[in-house]
Amino acid sequence: MSIMAEHSEVMPVAADVCFDTVTAFESYPTWMQAFKDVTVLERAGDTVTVEFRVDAKLREVRYVLRHKLERSHRISWDYVEGDAKDVDGQWLFEDLGNQSTRCTYRVSFDVGGFVPGSVKKALAEQAVRSSLDALRSRLTG
């Protein structure tokens, strides 16, 4: 069963700065605590395939996502392979003018196994909020 979570926050920078920060995949371990290793496997035009290794508290989780980049306003991805059953989602960047951007992070995932739905939902919501908090810290550092 897939669980979806979404959260938005306004960041005090232009949309292209948000986009560039989020697409600097290999920098994630320096500013997002859960990410232990990130490797870009392939870049082909507006598509980037990335392998992630994440500390999921109970164990390390590995997964590969294929990202579609729509310069400065959207990053979406599809699950390729890994320890989860499915992971998909997107970042949306809405330019609000005056050097501010509404950033929305939406993720849907199915980790498989027997994990109660309420626990999965809490984990998804925590992951979305902590990612936006980490992005804010990185941008305003």
Protein backbone atom coordinates (compact mmCIF):
# COMPACT_ATOMS: atom_id res chain seq x y z
CA MET A 1 0.00 0.00 0.00
CA SER A 2 1.43 3.37 -1.05
CA ILE A 3 1.44 6.27 1.37
CA MET A 4 1.46 9.88 0.15
CA ALA A 5 2.59 13.01 1.96
CA GLU A 6 2.87 16.60 0.83
CA HIS A 7 3.98 19.86 2.39
CA SER A 8 4.71 23.37 1.11
CA GLU A 9 6.78 26.23 2.49
CA VAL A 10 7.79 29.62 1.17
CA MET A 11 11.56 30.01 0.79
CA PRO A 12 13.26 33.44 0.70
CA VAL A 13 15.11 32.81 -2.58
CA ALA A 14 14.31 32.67 -6.30
CA ALA A 15 12.89 29.48 -7.85
CA ASP A 16 16.05 28.79 -9.87
CA VAL A 17 18.11 28.77 -6.64
CA CYS A 18 15.72 26.21 -5.09
CA PHE A 19 15.83 24.11 -8.26
CA ASP A 20 19.65 24.19 -8.46
CA THR A 21 19.98 23.22 -4.80
CA VAL A 22 17.62 20.25 -5.07
CA THR A 23 19.20 19.02 -8.33
CA ALA A 24 22.69 19.05 -6.80
CA PHE A 25 21.95 15.45 -5.78
CA GLU A 26 25.46 14.47 -4.74
CA SER A 27 25.50 17.25 -2.13
CA TYR A 28 22.55 15.76 -0.19
CA PRO A 29 24.68 14.00 2.46
CA THR A 30 26.13 17.39 3.46
CA TRP A 31 22.75 18.96 4.22
CA MET A 32 20.15 16.19 4.61
CA GLN A 33 20.91 14.06 7.62
CA ALA A 34 19.26 10.81 6.48
CA PHE A 35 21.21 10.62 3.21
CA LYS A 36 24.40 8.59 3.64
CA ASP A 37 25.47 8.35 -0.01
CA VAL A 38 24.13 9.71 -3.30
CA THR A 39 25.55 8.77 -6.70
CA VAL A 40 24.45 10.14 -10.07
CA LEU A 41 24.41 7.10 -12.34
CA GLU A 42 23.44 8.80 -15.60
CA ARG A 43 22.66 12.23 -17.05
CA ALA A 44 20.83 12.36 -20.37
CA GLY A 45 19.34 15.73 -21.27
CA ASP A 46 16.64 16.55 -18.75
CA THR A 47 16.75 13.08 -17.16
CA VAL A 48 19.03 12.17 -14.25
CA THR A 49 19.20 8.69 -12.72
CA VAL A 50 20.39 8.70 -9.11
CA GLU A 51 21.19 6.03 -6.52
CA PHE A 52 20.40 6.93 -2.91
CA ARG A 53 21.45 5.25 0.34
CA VAL A 54 19.37 6.47 3.27
CA ASP A 55 19.51 5.78 7.00
CA ALA A 56 15.94 4.63 7.65
CA LYS A 57 16.58 4.23 11.40
CA LEU A 58 16.17 0.44 11.46
CA ARG A 59 18.43 -0.18 8.46
CA GLU A 60 20.03 1.44 5.45
CA VAL A 61 17.73 1.63 2.43
CA ARG A 62 19.01 1.76 -1.14
CA TYR A 63 16.95 2.89 -4.10
CA VAL A 64 17.40 4.31 -7.60
CA LEU A 65 15.18 7.06 -9.02
CA ARG A 66 14.92 8.47 -12.55
CA HIS A 67 14.36 12.24 -12.30
CA LYS A 68 12.77 14.41 -14.98
CA LEU A 69 13.95 18.00 -14.68
CA GLU A 70 11.76 20.89 -15.82
CA ARG A 71 14.10 23.82 -15.28
CA SER A 72 13.28 26.01 -12.30
CA HIS A 73 9.74 24.80 -11.68
CA ARG A 74 9.46 21.00 -11.36
CA ILE A 75 11.48 17.89 -10.56
CA SER A 76 9.57 14.60 -10.75
CA TRP A 77 10.83 11.06 -10.41
CA ASP A 78 9.98 7.42 -10.94
CA TYR A 79 11.26 4.40 -9.07
CA VAL A 80 13.78 2.25 -10.95
CA GLU A 81 14.91 -0.32 -8.37
CA GLY A 82 15.94 -0.86 -4.79
CA ASP A 83 14.78 -1.92 -1.35
CA ALA A 84 11.32 -0.32 -1.54
CA LYS A 85 8.41 -1.53 -3.66
CA ASP A 86 7.78 1.93 -5.10
CA VAL A 87 8.82 5.57 -4.63
CA ASP A 88 7.58 8.47 -6.70
CA GLY A 89 6.99 12.14 -6.21
CA GLN A 90 7.97 15.65 -7.14
CA TRP A 91 9.32 18.99 -6.08
CA LEU A 92 7.39 22.02 -7.33
CA PHE A 93 8.81 25.55 -7.27
CA GLU A 94 6.33 28.41 -7.67
CA ASP A 95 7.94 31.82 -8.19
CA LEU A 96 6.12 34.30 -5.93
CA GLY A 97 8.21 37.31 -6.98
CA ASN A 98 10.40 39.41 -4.67
CA GLN A 99 12.97 36.59 -4.43
CA SER A 100 10.57 34.11 -2.81
CA THR A 101 9.39 30.69 -3.91
CA ARG A 102 6.69 28.34 -2.70
CA CYS A 103 8.38 24.93 -2.53
CA THR A 104 6.14 21.88 -2.46
CA TYR A 105 7.52 18.43 -1.81
CA ARG A 106 5.22 15.50 -2.59
CA VAL A 107 6.19 11.86 -2.15
CA SER A 108 4.41 8.55 -2.41
CA PHE A 109 6.08 5.31 -1.42
CA ASP A 110 5.51 1.68 -0.55
CA VAL A 111 8.24 0.15 1.58
CA GLY A 112 6.58 -3.26 1.57
CA GLY A 113 6.61 -5.63 4.51
CA PHE A 114 4.35 -5.43 7.50
CA VAL A 115 4.38 -1.87 8.71
CA PRO A 116 1.10 -0.41 9.98
CA GLY A 117 -0.40 2.26 7.71
CA SER A 118 -0.35 4.86 10.48
CA VAL A 119 3.40 4.32 10.96
CA LYS A 120 4.03 4.59 7.20
CA LYS A 121 2.00 7.81 7.05
CA ALA A 122 3.89 9.31 10.01
CA LEU A 123 7.22 8.39 8.40
CA ALA A 124 6.19 9.95 5.07
CA GLU A 125 5.04 13.17 6.72
CA GLN A 126 8.22 13.39 8.80
CA ALA A 127 10.37 12.81 5.70
CA VAL A 128 8.60 15.55 3.74
CA ARG A 129 8.80 18.12 6.53
CA SER A 130 12.42 17.33 7.41
CA SER A 131 13.41 17.62 3.72
CA LEU A 132 11.84 21.08 3.51
CA ASP A 133 13.47 22.10 6.81
CA ALA A 134 16.84 20.92 5.49
CA LEU A 135 16.29 22.82 2.23
CA ARG A 136 15.45 26.00 4.15
CA SER A 137 18.62 25.64 6.26
CA ARG A 138 20.72 25.04 3.15
CA LEU A 139 19.23 28.07 1.37
CA THR A 140 19.45 30.48 4.30
CA GLY A 141 22.48 28.87 5.95
